[in-house]
C-alpha atoms as a PDB file:
ATOM      1  CA  SER A   1     -40.496  -8.838  -0.756  1.00  0.00           C
ATOM      2  CA  ILE A   2     -40.306  -8.443  -4.576  1.00  0.00           C
ATOM      3  CA  LYS A   3     -36.831  -6.683  -4.192  1.00  0.00           C
ATOM      4  CA  THR A   4     -35.598  -9.323  -2.152  1.00  0.00           C
ATOM      5  CA  GLN A   5     -37.093 -12.029  -4.882  1.00  0.00           C
ATOM      6  CA  PHE A   6     -35.456 -10.118  -7.827  1.00  0.00           C
ATOM      7  CA  ASP A   7     -31.871  -9.371  -5.669  1.00  0.00           C
ATOM      8  CA  PHE A   8     -32.095 -13.688  -5.448  1.00  0.00           C
ATOM      9  CA  ALA A   9     -33.136 -14.014  -9.308  1.00  0.00           C
ATOM     10  CA  GLN A  10     -29.948 -11.844 -10.295  1.00  0.00           C
ATOM     11  CA  ALA A  11     -27.676 -14.051  -9.175  1.00  0.00           C
ATOM     12  CA  PHE A  12     -29.179 -17.589  -9.299  1.00  0.00           C
ATOM     13  CA  GLY A  13     -29.594 -16.691 -12.986  1.00  0.00           C
ATOM     14  CA  SER A  14     -26.040 -15.436 -13.463  1.00  0.00           C
ATOM     15  CA  GLN A  15     -23.755 -16.810 -11.295  1.00  0.00           C
ATOM     16  CA  PRO A  16     -22.439 -20.381 -10.264  1.00  0.00           C
ATOM     17  CA  LEU A  17     -23.654 -21.634  -7.263  1.00  0.00           C
ATOM     18  CA  PRO A  18     -21.369 -21.856  -4.526  1.00  0.00           C
ATOM     19  CA  ALA A  19     -19.152 -24.658  -2.962  1.00  0.00           C
ATOM     20  CA  GLY A  20     -19.769 -23.661   0.623  1.00  0.00           C
ATOM     21  CA  PRO A  21     -20.465 -20.443   2.941  1.00  0.00           C
ATOM     22  CA  ARG A  22     -16.994 -19.033   2.735  1.00  0.00           C
ATOM     23  CA  VAL A  23     -17.255 -15.373   1.599  1.00  0.00           C
ATOM     24  CA  VAL A  24     -14.288 -13.039   0.906  1.00  0.00           C
ATOM     25  CA  VAL A  25     -15.292  -9.237   1.004  1.00  0.00           C
ATOM     26  CA  ILE A  26     -12.966  -6.777  -1.006  1.00  0.00           C
ATOM     27  CA  THR A  27     -13.683  -3.283  -0.691  1.00  0.00           C
ATOM     28  CA  ASN A  28     -12.390   0.290  -0.900  1.00  0.00           C
ATOM     29  CA  ALA A  29     -13.868   1.568   2.551  1.00  0.00           C
ATOM     30  CA  GLY A  30     -13.820   0.593   6.087  1.00  0.00           C
ATOM     31  CA  GLY A  31     -17.188   1.373   6.990  1.00  0.00           C
ATOM     32  CA  PRO A  32     -19.268  -0.814   4.255  1.00  0.00           C
ATOM     33  CA  GLY A  33     -16.653  -4.165   4.529  1.00  0.00           C
ATOM     34  CA  ILE A  34     -17.779  -3.907   8.460  1.00  0.00           C
ATOM     35  CA  MET A  35     -21.142  -4.055   7.522  1.00  0.00           C
ATOM     36  CA  ALA A  36     -20.449  -6.852   5.269  1.00  0.00           C
ATOM     37  CA  ALA A  37     -18.721  -8.665   7.676  1.00  0.00           C
ATOM     38  CA  ASP A  38     -21.482  -8.231  10.376  1.00  0.00           C
ATOM     39  CA  ALA A  39     -24.668  -9.580   7.875  1.00  0.00           C
ATOM     40  CA  ILE A  40     -21.976 -12.782   6.715  1.00  0.00           C
ATOM     41  CA  GLU A  41     -21.763 -13.259  10.941  1.00  0.00           C
ATOM     42  CA  ARG A  42     -25.831 -12.566  11.594  1.00  0.00           C
ATOM     43  CA  LEU A  43     -26.244 -14.957   8.621  1.00  0.00           C
ATOM     44  CA  ASP A  44     -23.954 -17.783   9.673  1.00  0.00           C
ATOM     45  CA  LEU A  45     -21.931 -17.726   6.589  1.00  0.00           C
ATOM     46  CA  THR A  46     -18.352 -18.146   7.293  1.00  0.00           C
ATOM     47  CA  PHE A  47     -15.375 -14.976   6.680  1.00  0.00           C
ATOM     48  CA  ALA A  48     -13.009 -17.192   4.597  1.00  0.00           C
ATOM     49  CA  LYS A  49      -9.537 -17.483   6.278  1.00  0.00           C
ATOM     50  CA  LEU A  50      -7.383 -16.356   3.002  1.00  0.00           C
ATOM     51  CA  SER A  51      -4.375 -19.055   2.388  1.00  0.00           C
ATOM     52  CA  ASP A  52      -0.727 -17.619   3.202  1.00  0.00           C
ATOM     53  CA  PRO A  53       0.205 -18.008  -0.361  1.00  0.00           C
ATOM     54  CA  THR A  54      -2.695 -15.787  -0.773  1.00  0.00           C
ATOM     55  CA  CYS A  55      -1.890 -13.047   1.832  1.00  0.00           C
ATOM     56  CA  SER A  56       1.655 -12.777   0.584  1.00  0.00           C
ATOM     57  CA  ALA A  57       0.461 -12.444  -3.288  1.00  0.00           C
ATOM     58  CA  LEU A  58      -1.838  -9.614  -2.098  1.00  0.00           C
ATOM     59  CA  ALA A  59       0.499  -8.284   0.209  1.00  0.00           C
ATOM     60  CA  SER A  60       3.307  -7.719  -2.679  1.00  0.00           C
ATOM     61  CA  LYS A  61       1.292  -5.707  -4.837  1.00  0.00           C
ATOM     62  CA  LEU A  62      -0.889  -3.710  -2.333  1.00  0.00           C
ATOM     63  CA  PRO A  63      -0.025  -0.591  -0.848  1.00  0.00           C
ATOM     64  CA  ALA A  64       1.581  -1.459   2.561  1.00  0.00           C
ATOM     65  CA  ALA A  65      -1.398  -0.242   4.311  1.00  0.00           C
ATOM     66  CA  ALA A  66      -4.047  -2.328   2.755  1.00  0.00           C
ATOM     67  CA  ASN A  67      -5.517  -5.019   4.629  1.00  0.00           C
ATOM     68  CA  VAL A  68      -4.430  -8.363   3.136  1.00  0.00           C
ATOM     69  CA  HIS A  69      -6.720 -10.419   5.229  1.00  0.00           C
ATOM     70  CA  ASN A  70     -10.125 -10.903   4.830  1.00  0.00           C
ATOM     71  CA  PRO A  71     -12.114  -8.123   4.184  1.00  0.00           C
ATOM     72  CA  ILE A  72      -9.635  -7.056   1.767  1.00  0.00           C
ATOM     73  CA  ASP A  73      -8.987  -3.499   2.195  1.00  0.00           C
ATOM     74  CA  VAL A  74      -7.862  -1.812  -1.447  1.00  0.00           C
ATOM     75  CA  LEU A  75      -8.187   1.406   0.166  1.00  0.00           C
ATOM     76  CA  GLY A  76      -9.835   4.104  -0.756  1.00  0.00           C
ATOM     77  CA  ASP A  77      -7.053   5.427  -3.546  1.00  0.00           C
ATOM     78  CA  ALA A  78      -7.463   2.045  -5.356  1.00  0.00           C
ATOM     79  CA  LEU A  79      -7.793   2.210  -8.950  1.00  0.00           C
ATOM     80  CA  ALA A  80      -9.807  -0.831 -11.582  1.00  0.00           C
ATOM     81  CA  ASP A  81      -6.139  -2.529 -11.904  1.00  0.00           C
ATOM     82  CA  ARG A  82      -5.537  -2.825  -7.668  1.00  0.00           C
ATOM     83  CA  TYR A  83      -9.434  -4.522  -7.569  1.00  0.00           C
ATOM     84  CA  GLU A  84      -8.506  -6.916 -10.620  1.00  0.00           C
ATOM     85  CA  PHE A  85      -5.525  -7.910  -8.972  1.00  0.00           C
ATOM     86  CA  ALA A  86      -7.723  -8.279  -5.495  1.00  0.00           C
ATOM     87  CA  LEU A  87     -10.134 -10.351  -7.477  1.00  0.00           C
ATOM     88  CA  GLN A  88      -8.050 -12.953  -9.082  1.00  0.00           C
ATOM     89  CA  THR A  89      -5.649 -13.755  -6.109  1.00  0.00           C
ATOM     90  CA  ALA A  90      -8.974 -14.425  -4.120  1.00  0.00           C
ATOM     91  CA  LEU A  91     -10.419 -16.467  -6.791  1.00  0.00           C
ATOM     92  CA  ASP A  92      -7.330 -18.161  -6.709  1.00  0.00           C
ATOM     93  CA  ASP A  93      -7.945 -19.395  -3.289  1.00  0.00           C
ATOM     94  CA  PRO A  94      -9.068 -22.947  -2.682  1.00  0.00           C
ATOM     95  CA  GLY A  95     -10.825 -21.504   0.951  1.00  0.00           C
ATOM     96  CA  VAL A  96     -13.145 -19.343  -0.863  1.00  0.00           C
ATOM     97  CA  ASP A  97     -16.437 -19.818  -1.998  1.00  0.00           C
ATOM     98  CA  THR A  98     -17.652 -16.562  -2.973  1.00  0.00           C
ATOM     99  CA  ILE A  99     -16.807 -12.910  -3.264  1.00  0.00           C
ATOM    100  CA  LEU A 100     -18.414  -9.439  -2.709  1.00  0.00           C
ATOM    101  CA  ILE A 101     -16.900  -6.630  -4.074  1.00  0.00           C
ATOM    102  CA  LEU A 102     -17.741  -3.580  -2.586  1.00  0.00           C
ATOM    103  CA  LEU A 103     -17.202   0.085  -3.785  1.00  0.00           C
ATOM    104  CA  THR A 104     -17.712   3.362  -2.544  1.00  0.00           C
ATOM    105  CA  PRO A 105     -16.665   6.113  -5.200  1.00  0.00           C
ATOM    106  CA  GLN A 106     -13.897   8.435  -3.725  1.00  0.00           C
ATOM    107  CA  ALA A 107     -11.523  11.097  -5.646  1.00  0.00           C
ATOM    108  CA  MET A 108      -9.734   8.415  -7.104  1.00  0.00           C
ATOM    109  CA  THR A 109     -11.914   5.787  -7.882  1.00  0.00           C
ATOM    110  CA  GLU A 110     -12.693   4.340 -11.437  1.00  0.00           C
ATOM    111  CA  THR A 111     -16.136   3.067 -11.339  1.00  0.00           C
ATOM    112  CA  THR A 112     -16.642   2.127 -14.771  1.00  0.00           C
ATOM    113  CA  ALA A 113     -13.112   0.864 -15.571  1.00  0.00           C
ATOM    114  CA  THR A 114     -13.345  -1.654 -12.346  1.00  0.00           C
ATOM    115  CA  ALA A 115     -16.724  -2.501 -13.155  1.00  0.00           C
ATOM    116  CA  GLU A 116     -15.184  -3.828 -16.734  1.00  0.00           C
ATOM    117  CA  ALA A 117     -12.225  -5.394 -14.653  1.00  0.00           C
ATOM    118  CA  ILE A 118     -14.631  -7.604 -12.495  1.00  0.00           C
ATOM    119  CA  GLY A 119     -15.993  -8.465 -15.914  1.00  0.00           C
ATOM    120  CA  ARG A 120     -13.382  -9.438 -17.429  1.00  0.00           C
ATOM    121  CA  VAL A 121     -11.767 -11.663 -14.426  1.00  0.00           C
ATOM    122  CA  ALA A 122     -15.175 -13.180 -14.036  1.00  0.00           C
ATOM    123  CA  LYS A 123     -15.310 -14.240 -17.962  1.00  0.00           C
ATOM    124  CA  LYS A 124     -11.724 -15.819 -17.348  1.00  0.00           C
ATOM    125  CA  LYS A 125     -12.500 -17.620 -14.157  1.00  0.00           C
ATOM    126  CA  PRO A 126     -15.879 -18.458 -14.054  1.00  0.00           C
ATOM    127  CA  GLY A 127     -15.706 -20.822 -11.271  1.00  0.00           C
ATOM    128  CA  LYS A 128     -17.185 -19.009  -8.297  1.00  0.00           C
ATOM    129  CA  PRO A 129     -19.919 -16.359  -7.715  1.00  0.00           C
ATOM    130  CA  ILE A 130     -18.962 -12.845  -7.945  1.00  0.00           C
ATOM    131  CA  LEU A 131     -21.559  -9.990  -6.286  1.00  0.00           C
ATOM    132  CA  ALA A 132     -21.038  -6.490  -6.341  1.00  0.00           C
ATOM    133  CA  CYS A 133     -22.120  -3.373  -4.179  1.00  0.00           C
ATOM    134  CA  PHE A 134     -21.110  -0.479  -5.927  1.00  0.00           C
ATOM    135  CA  MET A 135     -22.862   2.357  -3.473  1.00  0.00           C
ATOM    136  CA  GLY A 136     -23.377   5.881  -4.752  1.00  0.00           C
ATOM    137  CA  GLY A 137     -26.566   6.504  -7.074  1.00  0.00           C
ATOM    138  CA  ALA A 138     -25.976   8.229  -9.951  1.00  0.00           C
ATOM    139  CA  HIS A 139     -22.045   7.953  -9.406  1.00  0.00           C
ATOM    140  CA  VAL A 140     -22.041   4.378  -9.966  1.00  0.00           C
ATOM    141  CA  ALA A 141     -25.099   4.038 -12.754  1.00  0.00           C
ATOM    142  CA  GLU A 142     -22.596   3.768 -15.600  1.00  0.00           C
ATOM    143  CA  ALA A 143     -20.510   0.955 -13.896  1.00  0.00           C
ATOM    144  CA  THR A 144     -23.667  -0.726 -12.820  1.00  0.00           C
ATOM    145  CA  GLN A 145     -24.926  -0.959 -16.556  1.00  0.00           C
ATOM    146  CA  VAL A 146     -21.584  -2.573 -17.429  1.00  0.00           C
ATOM    147  CA  LEU A 147     -21.519  -5.291 -14.286  1.00  0.00           C
ATOM    148  CA  ALA A 148     -25.383  -6.043 -15.810  1.00  0.00           C
ATOM    149  CA  ARG A 149     -23.864  -6.681 -19.112  1.00  0.00           C
ATOM    150  CA  ALA A 150     -21.227  -8.933 -17.498  1.00  0.00           C
ATOM    151  CA  HIS A 151     -23.966 -10.776 -15.716  1.00  0.00           C
ATOM    152  CA  ILE A 152     -22.452  -9.835 -12.397  1.00  0.00           C
ATOM    153  CA  PRO A 153     -25.493  -9.346  -9.882  1.00  0.00           C
ATOM    154  CA  GLN A 154     -25.429  -5.462  -8.363  1.00  0.00           C
ATOM    155  CA  TYR A 155     -26.750  -4.952  -4.852  1.00  0.00           C
ATOM    156  CA  ASP A 156     -27.286  -1.220  -3.252  1.00  0.00           C
ATOM    157  CA  SER A 157     -26.510  -2.308   0.048  1.00  0.00           C
ATOM    158  CA  PRO A 158     -24.060  -5.212   1.817  1.00  0.00           C
ATOM    159  CA  GLU A 159     -26.784  -6.478   3.741  1.00  0.00           C
ATOM    160  CA  ALA A 160     -28.717  -7.365   0.604  1.00  0.00           C
ATOM    161  CA  ALA A 161     -25.731  -8.852  -1.240  1.00  0.00           C
ATOM    162  CA  VAL A 162     -24.877 -11.203   1.528  1.00  0.00           C
ATOM    163  CA  ALA A 163     -28.670 -12.207   2.102  1.00  0.00           C
ATOM    164  CA  THR A 164     -28.266 -13.472  -1.564  1.00  0.00           C
ATOM    165  CA  ILE A 165     -25.419 -15.243  -1.145  1.00  0.00           C
ATOM    166  CA  LYS A 166     -27.020 -16.658   2.262  1.00  0.00           C
ATOM    167  CA  ALA A 167     -30.185 -18.133  -0.256  1.00  0.00           C
ATOM    168  CA  MET A 168     -27.504 -19.475  -2.772  1.00  0.00           C
ATOM    169  CA  THR A 169     -25.292 -21.439  -0.069  1.00  0.00           C
ATOM    170  CA  ASP A 170     -28.657 -22.747   1.641  1.00  0.00           C
ATOM    171  CA  TYR A 171     -30.227 -23.581  -1.735  1.00  0.00           C
ATOM    172  CA  VAL A 172     -26.756 -25.758  -2.149  1.00  0.00           C
ATOM    173  CA  LEU A 173     -26.810 -27.395   1.076  1.00  0.00           C
ATOM    174  CA  TRP A 174     -30.790 -27.977   0.778  1.00  0.00           C
ATOM    175  CA  ARG A 175     -30.114 -29.584  -2.919  1.00  0.00           C
ATOM    176  CA  GLY A 176     -27.446 -31.582  -1.342  1.00  0.00           C
ATOM    177  CA  ARG A 177     -29.936 -33.140   1.064  1.00  0.00           C
END
């Protein structure tokens, strides 16, 4: 579909190509994280296994209830700094090729500040593709504009984002052949 082509163009035009199929999901809500995990499995991508040092680093700063394995669940009360820390830490893991950041607006969520933080990290660490899926329509409209200015592709569903990651990964494999 035209929407799918646009989804792909957004990422190919703004992000580096992934080195491989290993994807990490960072989320503040369980449901979307599971949707992304299912799509990753269905499309034959790999759910990245985070290294012990990465898990330890995440555990040292995230709340005890947070999941420090993949998907990294920063919990519903996550502010922008928690997303920023999780993203920086995941990008530093050599076993991670692509990062998908999911955000569902909840009472505490700093949608715009989180988008700004993602843009800052992406600028500092430009080697790996970062895709975002901020769900919530009007509640995330300002944040999605911030993401666009930072050249971070934004998707309205985890499945659309994962399909794009699959297209990028397939392209890298095809080019390698």
